[in-house]
Protein backbone atom coordinates (compact mmCIF):
# COMPACT_ATOMS: atom_id res chain seq x y z
CA UNK A 1 38.57 79.21 -189.83
CA UNK A 2 40.26 80.50 -186.69
CA UNK A 3 39.65 78.28 -183.65
CA UNK A 4 40.60 78.21 -179.99
CA UNK A 5 40.54 75.36 -177.47
CA UNK A 6 39.34 75.54 -173.88
CA UNK A 7 42.93 75.25 -172.65
CA UNK A 8 44.01 78.19 -174.83
CA UNK A 9 40.99 80.23 -173.71
CA UNK A 10 42.09 79.87 -170.07
CA UNK A 11 45.37 81.67 -170.87
CA UNK A 12 43.68 84.82 -172.24
CA UNK A 13 43.45 87.80 -169.89
CA UNK A 14 40.31 89.65 -170.99
CA UNK A 15 38.62 87.86 -173.87
CA UNK A 16 35.16 88.96 -175.00
CA UNK A 17 33.11 85.76 -175.07
CA UNK A 18 29.99 85.80 -177.23
CA UNK A 19 27.49 83.04 -176.48
CA UNK A 20 25.20 82.72 -179.50
CA UNK A 21 22.90 80.08 -178.03
CA UNK A 22 19.21 80.78 -177.43
CA UNK A 23 18.39 82.70 -174.22
CA UNK A 24 16.94 79.58 -172.59
CA UNK A 25 20.24 77.75 -173.12
CA UNK A 26 22.24 80.70 -171.82
CA UNK A 27 20.10 80.91 -168.70
CA UNK A 28 20.60 77.21 -168.02
CA UNK A 29 24.37 77.68 -167.81
CA UNK A 30 27.03 79.95 -169.25
CA UNK A 31 30.69 80.90 -169.07
CA UNK A 32 31.02 83.69 -166.44
CA UNK A 33 31.23 87.06 -168.18
CA UNK A 34 29.92 85.75 -171.51
CA UNK A 35 27.55 87.99 -173.50
CA UNK A 36 24.45 86.39 -174.95
CA UNK A 37 23.81 87.51 -178.54
CA UNK A 38 21.55 84.68 -179.73
CA UNK A 39 21.43 83.43 -183.28
CA UNK A 40 17.89 82.15 -182.70
CA UNK A 41 15.18 83.06 -180.22
CA UNK A 42 13.83 80.34 -177.92
CA UNK A 43 10.80 79.91 -180.16
CA UNK A 44 12.88 79.72 -183.34
CA UNK A 45 15.20 77.15 -181.79
CA UNK A 46 12.23 75.01 -180.80
CA UNK A 47 10.67 75.33 -184.24
CA UNK A 48 13.90 74.35 -186.01
CA UNK A 49 14.29 71.38 -183.66
CA UNK A 50 10.78 70.19 -184.44
CA UNK A 51 11.42 70.43 -188.20
CA UNK A 52 14.67 68.49 -187.76
CA UNK A 53 12.85 65.65 -186.00
CA UNK A 54 9.92 65.56 -188.42
CA UNK A 55 11.51 66.43 -191.78
CA UNK A 56 15.22 65.86 -191.39
CA UNK A 57 18.45 67.85 -191.36
CA UNK A 58 18.15 69.48 -194.80
CA UNK A 59 14.73 70.99 -194.04
CA UNK A 60 15.94 72.21 -190.63
CA UNK A 61 19.01 73.87 -192.18
CA UNK A 62 16.86 75.64 -194.76
CA UNK A 63 14.50 76.95 -192.08
CA UNK A 64 17.45 78.08 -189.98
CA UNK A 65 18.83 80.02 -192.97
CA UNK A 66 15.46 81.71 -193.48
CA UNK A 67 15.26 82.70 -189.82
CA UNK A 68 18.80 84.00 -189.45
CA UNK A 69 19.37 85.77 -192.79
CA UNK A 70 17.48 89.00 -191.92
CA UNK A 71 19.27 89.21 -188.55
CA UNK A 72 22.87 88.98 -189.75
CA UNK A 73 23.73 92.69 -190.10
CA UNK A 74 22.30 93.64 -186.69
CA UNK A 75 23.86 90.64 -184.98
CA UNK A 76 27.31 91.37 -186.41
CA UNK A 77 26.97 94.98 -185.33
CA UNK A 78 26.12 93.90 -181.76
CA UNK A 79 29.12 91.56 -181.66
CA UNK A 80 31.43 94.25 -183.06
CA UNK A 81 30.31 96.74 -180.42
CA UNK A 82 30.67 94.18 -177.64
CA UNK A 83 34.18 93.21 -178.78
CA UNK A 84 35.42 96.80 -178.72
CA UNK A 85 38.76 95.75 -180.18
CA UNK A 86 39.42 92.96 -177.64
CA UNK A 87 40.07 89.27 -178.34
CA UNK A 88 36.76 87.88 -179.60
CA UNK A 89 35.60 84.32 -178.89
CA UNK A 90 32.33 82.88 -180.23
CA UNK A 91 30.69 79.70 -179.01
CA UNK A 92 27.48 77.69 -179.10
CA UNK A 93 26.62 74.39 -177.39
CA UNK A 94 29.06 72.00 -179.10
CA UNK A 95 31.07 74.34 -181.30
CA UNK A 96 29.01 73.20 -184.28
CA UNK A 97 27.10 74.83 -187.10
CA UNK A 98 25.88 77.88 -185.20
CA UNK A 99 29.28 79.14 -184.09
CA UNK A 100 30.89 78.14 -187.40
CA UNK A 101 28.30 80.17 -189.29
CA UNK A 102 28.70 83.25 -187.09
CA UNK A 103 32.51 83.22 -187.26
CA UNK A 104 32.24 82.89 -191.05
CA UNK A 105 29.90 85.90 -191.16
CA UNK A 106 32.36 87.84 -188.98
CA UNK A 107 35.26 87.01 -191.31
CA UNK A 108 33.28 88.26 -194.33
CA UNK A 109 32.63 91.50 -192.41
CA UNK A 110 36.33 91.92 -191.57
CA UNK A 111 35.85 91.21 -187.87
CA UNK A 112 38.40 88.84 -186.36
CA UNK A 113 36.88 86.23 -184.06
CA UNK A 114 37.66 82.68 -183.04
CA UNK A 115 35.33 79.73 -182.58
CA UNK A 116 35.56 77.87 -179.27
CA UNK A 117 36.18 74.21 -180.13
CA UNK A 118 33.61 72.03 -178.37
CA UNK A 119 31.53 75.02 -177.27
CA UNK A 120 29.93 75.35 -173.84
CA UNK A 121 29.85 71.57 -173.41
CA UNK A 122 33.65 71.41 -173.63
CA UNK A 123 33.92 74.29 -171.15
CA UNK A 124 31.71 72.50 -168.62
CA UNK A 125 33.54 69.19 -169.00
CA UNK A 126 36.81 71.06 -168.47
CA UNK A 127 35.80 72.82 -165.25
CA UNK A 128 34.28 69.68 -163.72
CA UNK A 129 37.53 67.86 -164.45
CA UNK A 130 39.71 70.52 -162.81
CA UNK A 131 37.65 71.75 -159.82
CA UNK A 132 38.51 68.79 -157.49
CA UNK A 133 42.25 69.59 -157.61
CA UNK A 134 42.01 73.39 -157.41
CA UNK A 135 41.32 73.93 -153.70
CA UNK A 136 44.03 75.50 -151.55
CA UNK A 137 45.40 73.23 -148.83
CA UNK A 138 43.41 74.52 -145.84
CA UNK A 139 39.99 76.06 -145.24
CA UNK A 140 39.21 78.64 -142.57
CA UNK A 141 35.52 78.09 -141.81
CA UNK A 142 33.26 80.76 -140.27
CA UNK A 143 30.48 79.34 -138.11
CA UNK A 144 27.69 81.11 -136.27
CA UNK A 145 23.95 81.32 -135.76
CA UNK A 146 21.75 82.85 -138.46
CA UNK A 147 22.14 86.63 -138.49
CA UNK A 148 25.60 86.81 -136.94
CA UNK A 149 26.86 88.47 -140.15
CA UNK A 150 29.09 85.80 -141.67
CA UNK A 151 28.49 86.91 -145.27
CA UNK A 152 29.21 90.57 -144.47
CA UNK A 153 32.37 89.53 -142.65
CA UNK A 154 33.48 87.51 -145.68
CA UNK A 155 32.97 90.51 -147.95
CA UNK A 156 34.99 92.74 -145.61
CA UNK A 157 37.81 90.19 -145.53
CA UNK A 158 37.80 90.08 -149.33
CA UNK A 159 38.17 93.87 -149.44
CA UNK A 160 41.17 93.45 -147.12
CA UNK A 161 42.74 91.19 -149.76
CA UNK A 162 42.16 87.82 -148.13
CA UNK A 163 41.29 84.68 -150.18
CA UNK A 164 37.52 84.20 -150.01
CA UNK A 165 35.02 81.71 -151.43
CA UNK A 166 31.57 83.28 -151.16
CA UNK A 167 29.41 80.22 -151.76
CA UNK A 168 26.11 82.03 -151.14
CA UNK A 169 26.98 84.51 -153.87
CA UNK A 170 27.87 81.64 -156.20
CA UNK A 171 24.56 79.92 -155.43
CA UNK A 172 22.54 83.13 -155.71
CA UNK A 173 20.99 82.15 -152.39
CA UNK A 174 21.58 83.19 -148.78
CA UNK A 175 21.12 79.71 -147.36
CA UNK A 176 17.85 80.13 -145.43
CA UNK A 177 14.12 79.82 -146.10
CA UNK A 178 14.20 83.47 -147.22
CA UNK A 179 17.44 83.06 -149.11
CA UNK A 180 16.33 84.53 -152.45
CA UNK A 181 14.75 87.74 -151.09
CA UNK A 182 16.19 90.59 -153.11
CA UNK A 183 17.72 88.06 -155.51
CA UNK A 184 16.34 86.04 -158.40
CA UNK A 185 15.36 82.40 -157.97
CA UNK A 186 18.88 81.22 -157.23
CA UNK A 187 21.51 79.73 -159.51
CA UNK A 188 21.30 76.21 -160.84
CA UNK A 189 24.13 73.68 -160.51
CA UNK A 190 25.77 74.62 -163.82
CA UNK A 191 26.00 78.30 -162.89
CA UNK A 192 27.24 77.46 -159.39
CA UNK A 193 29.97 75.20 -160.79
CA UNK A 194 31.08 77.89 -163.25
CA UNK A 195 31.31 80.53 -160.53
CA UNK A 196 33.08 78.10 -158.19
CA UNK A 197 35.67 77.40 -160.90
CA UNK A 198 36.14 81.13 -161.45
CA UNK A 199 36.51 81.70 -157.72
CA UNK A 200 39.04 78.89 -157.35
CA UNK A 201 41.12 80.27 -160.22
CA UNK A 202 41.35 83.55 -158.32
CA UNK A 203 42.69 81.64 -155.28
CA UNK A 204 45.57 80.00 -157.15
CA UNK A 205 48.82 80.61 -155.25
CA UNK A 206 47.15 80.79 -151.83
CA UNK A 207 47.67 78.06 -149.21
CA UNK A 208 44.27 78.60 -147.62
CA UNK A 209 40.85 80.15 -148.21
CA UNK A 210 38.05 81.49 -146.00
CA UNK A 211 34.44 80.30 -146.34
CA UNK A 212 31.16 80.04 -144.45
CA UNK A 213 30.00 76.79 -142.87
CA UNK A 214 27.22 76.34 -145.39
CA UNK A 215 25.06 73.25 -145.66
CA UNK A 216 26.01 70.95 -148.51
CA UNK A 217 22.98 72.21 -150.47
CA UNK A 218 22.65 75.98 -150.92
CA UNK A 219 19.38 76.75 -152.66
CA UNK A 220 19.42 74.78 -155.92
CA UNK A 221 23.17 74.04 -155.85
CA UNK A 222 25.14 71.28 -154.14
CA UNK A 223 28.76 71.66 -153.02
CA UNK A 224 31.30 69.15 -154.39
CA UNK A 225 32.42 66.43 -151.97
CA UNK A 226 36.00 67.76 -152.01
CA UNK A 227 34.81 71.14 -150.76
CA UNK A 228 32.63 69.55 -148.07
CA UNK A 229 35.68 67.64 -146.81
CA UNK A 230 37.85 70.79 -146.78
CA UNK A 231 35.12 72.46 -144.72
CA UNK A 232 34.87 69.53 -142.28
CA UNK A 233 38.60 69.44 -141.52
CA UNK A 234 39.34 73.17 -141.63
CA UNK A 235 40.24 75.74 -138.98
CA UNK A 236 36.91 76.54 -137.33
CA UNK A 237 35.97 80.01 -136.07
CA UNK A 238 32.63 80.31 -134.27
CA UNK A 239 31.21 83.84 -134.22
CA UNK A 240 28.88 84.95 -131.44
CA UNK A 241 26.79 88.11 -131.00
CA UNK A 242 23.60 89.09 -129.20
CA UNK A 243 20.12 88.14 -130.37
CA UNK A 244 19.33 91.85 -130.68
CA UNK A 245 22.27 92.36 -133.06
CA UNK A 246 21.28 89.35 -135.12
CA UNK A 247 17.68 90.53 -135.48
CA UNK A 248 18.82 93.99 -136.54
CA UNK A 249 21.31 92.56 -139.02
CA UNK A 250 18.58 90.43 -140.65
CA UNK A 251 16.12 93.32 -140.73
CA UNK A 252 18.76 95.43 -142.50
CA UNK A 253 19.54 92.62 -144.95
CA UNK A 254 16.13 91.12 -145.73
CA UNK A 255 13.48 93.69 -144.76
CA UNK A 256 14.48 97.35 -145.01
CA UNK A 257 15.71 97.32 -148.64
CA UNK A 258 12.65 95.46 -149.97
CA UNK A 259 9.63 95.91 -147.65
CA UNK A 260 7.91 98.39 -149.97
CA UNK A 261 8.29 96.17 -153.04
CA UNK A 262 5.00 94.65 -154.29
CA UNK A 263 6.40 91.12 -154.16
CA UNK A 264 7.85 91.34 -150.63
CA UNK A 265 4.91 90.25 -148.46
CA UNK A 266 4.08 87.28 -150.69
CA UNK A 267 7.67 86.05 -150.66
CA UNK A 268 7.95 86.38 -146.88
CA UNK A 269 4.58 84.64 -146.49
CA UNK A 270 5.66 81.73 -148.67
CA UNK A 271 8.83 81.27 -146.60
CA UNK A 272 6.89 81.44 -143.33
CA UNK A 273 4.35 78.93 -144.64
CA UNK A 274 7.11 76.38 -145.25
CA UNK A 275 8.40 76.89 -141.71
CA UNK A 276 4.93 76.59 -140.17
CA UNK A 277 4.58 73.11 -141.65
CA UNK A 278 7.52 72.01 -139.46
CA UNK A 279 6.28 73.60 -136.21
CA UNK A 280 3.88 71.61 -134.02
CA UNK A 281 3.32 74.18 -131.23
CA UNK A 282 -0.05 75.80 -132.00
CA UNK A 283 0.55 78.91 -129.84
CA UNK A 284 3.93 79.51 -131.49
CA UNK A 285 2.33 79.21 -134.92
CA UNK A 286 -0.24 81.86 -133.98
CA UNK A 287 2.50 84.24 -132.78
CA UNK A 288 4.33 83.85 -136.09
CA UNK A 289 1.17 84.40 -138.16
CA UNK A 290 0.12 87.42 -136.07
CA UNK A 291 3.46 89.21 -136.40
CA UNK A 292 3.57 88.46 -140.13
CA UNK A 293 0.08 89.85 -140.71
CA UNK A 294 0.84 92.95 -138.63
CA UNK A 295 4.10 93.58 -140.48
CA UNK A 296 6.11 93.33 -137.25
CA UNK A 297 9.14 91.88 -138.99
CA UNK A 298 11.69 92.40 -136.19
CA UNK A 299 9.53 90.38 -133.76
CA UNK A 300 8.79 87.78 -136.45
CA UNK A 301 12.51 87.32 -137.08
CA UNK A 302 13.24 87.12 -133.34
CA UNK A 303 10.67 84.33 -132.89
CA UNK A 304 11.93 82.40 -135.91
CA UNK A 305 15.53 82.65 -134.69
CA UNK A 306 14.77 81.52 -131.13
CA UNK A 307 12.30 78.76 -131.92
CA UNK A 308 13.20 77.54 -135.42
CA UNK A 309 16.70 78.38 -136.66
CA UNK A 310 18.74 78.30 -133.43
CA UNK A 311 17.55 74.87 -132.20
CA UNK A 312 18.46 73.38 -135.58
CA UNK A 313 21.97 74.77 -135.33
CA UNK A 314 22.91 73.28 -131.96
CA UNK A 315 24.16 69.96 -133.36
CA UNK A 316 26.18 71.47 -136.21
CA UNK A 317 29.55 71.61 -134.43
CA UNK A 318 29.52 67.83 -134.11
CA UNK A 319 29.81 67.51 -137.90
CA UNK A 320 33.30 69.06 -137.95
CA UNK A 321 36.74 67.83 -136.99
CA UNK A 322 39.03 69.73 -134.63
CA UNK A 323 38.76 72.51 -132.06
CA UNK A 324 36.60 75.62 -132.45
CA UNK A 325 37.85 79.16 -131.87
CA UNK A 326 35.05 81.19 -130.25
CA UNK A 327 34.88 84.91 -131.05
CA UNK A 328 32.42 87.22 -129.25
CA UNK A 329 31.67 90.54 -130.90
CA UNK A 330 29.11 93.32 -131.26
CA UNK A 331 30.08 94.70 -134.67
CA UNK A 332 31.20 93.43 -138.05
CA UNK A 333 34.38 95.53 -137.84
CA UNK A 334 35.31 94.03 -134.47
CA UNK A 335 34.64 90.51 -135.79
CA UNK A 336 36.96 91.08 -138.76
CA UNK A 337 39.65 92.47 -136.45
CA UNK A 338 39.45 89.48 -134.09
CA UNK A 339 39.47 86.97 -136.95
CA UNK A 340 42.67 88.52 -138.31
CA UNK A 341 44.25 88.30 -134.86
CA UNK A 342 43.40 84.59 -134.71
CA UNK A 343 44.76 83.90 -138.19
CA UNK A 344 48.07 85.49 -137.26
CA UNK A 345 48.55 83.47 -134.07
CA UNK A 346 51.61 81.18 -134.38
CA UNK A 347 49.60 77.94 -134.31
CA UNK A 348 47.26 79.02 -137.11
CA UNK A 349 49.90 80.95 -139.03
CA UNK A 350 51.94 77.77 -139.35
CA UNK A 351 48.94 75.74 -140.51
CA UNK A 352 48.01 78.36 -143.10
CA UNK A 353 51.58 79.24 -144.13
CA UNK A 354 50.66 82.92 -144.10
């Protein structure tokens, strides 16, 4: 049987990775870019597991054979179409019976595929072992009050070809009480780690990277200690813009694309409810509730910025080491331009080895 190790997999340019685990396993964590073509459904996996515990391995294997036999032709056809002539890698959780069986079926059908030794578990152990040593030497950290446009600025810098780590994208969360609006429920730690590893691989060869000054926890995910330390001791750029610009930016990001969706009001209400629990001023609470109920989202956002988010940001600069570079701007384009000017100044250029 043809096999491939994690180390060998890392050297392939565009492998087609087929994850044959049940959908619930795939959702819990997967190799970025992998395609889920499950051998068993969630219910079948649970049923086989129950039989294994109650009746033993032989009975579980027999049940598994009964479940999978009718699916084999369709499954092989799906894998063949997904492979499209590219290098084909198949894996399950530990590189055990499931992936061995599927690769055997593929061989009988004349389709060349390789089994990933150790499966997803080996992949995860590998990335956790390597992530701490993969960071470029220096971090350029973008600071600024909520709504200043840090994420949009990061994306523009990436388009310009600069080395970016978009941690909010990796976490599937925008880092605020409303951070999953327009997204799903946010990525778990396994998915975050996988995307972080992928992002760090793309930065290999750079002496620095640019990131936002995110809290250690972003949604469901927690940043590694090594990344937190890089952030603390980086080159710090503090972005400033008017309250009006910040409100408009947040309306464009959180409200306008989604306000007509059936789930929107409930999701906003749930976020506001969590904030209200932390506010003691009764009059302020009534203002927030009134603007929410009336659908006056720009005013709601303005109040939350001035009285909730901004006061909690004031102490943040004390958590970081070194001087801050303050940039005042009215547009995203101007902010990007001024950041590039700062990065190319002799003092920073030397530190970043640009």
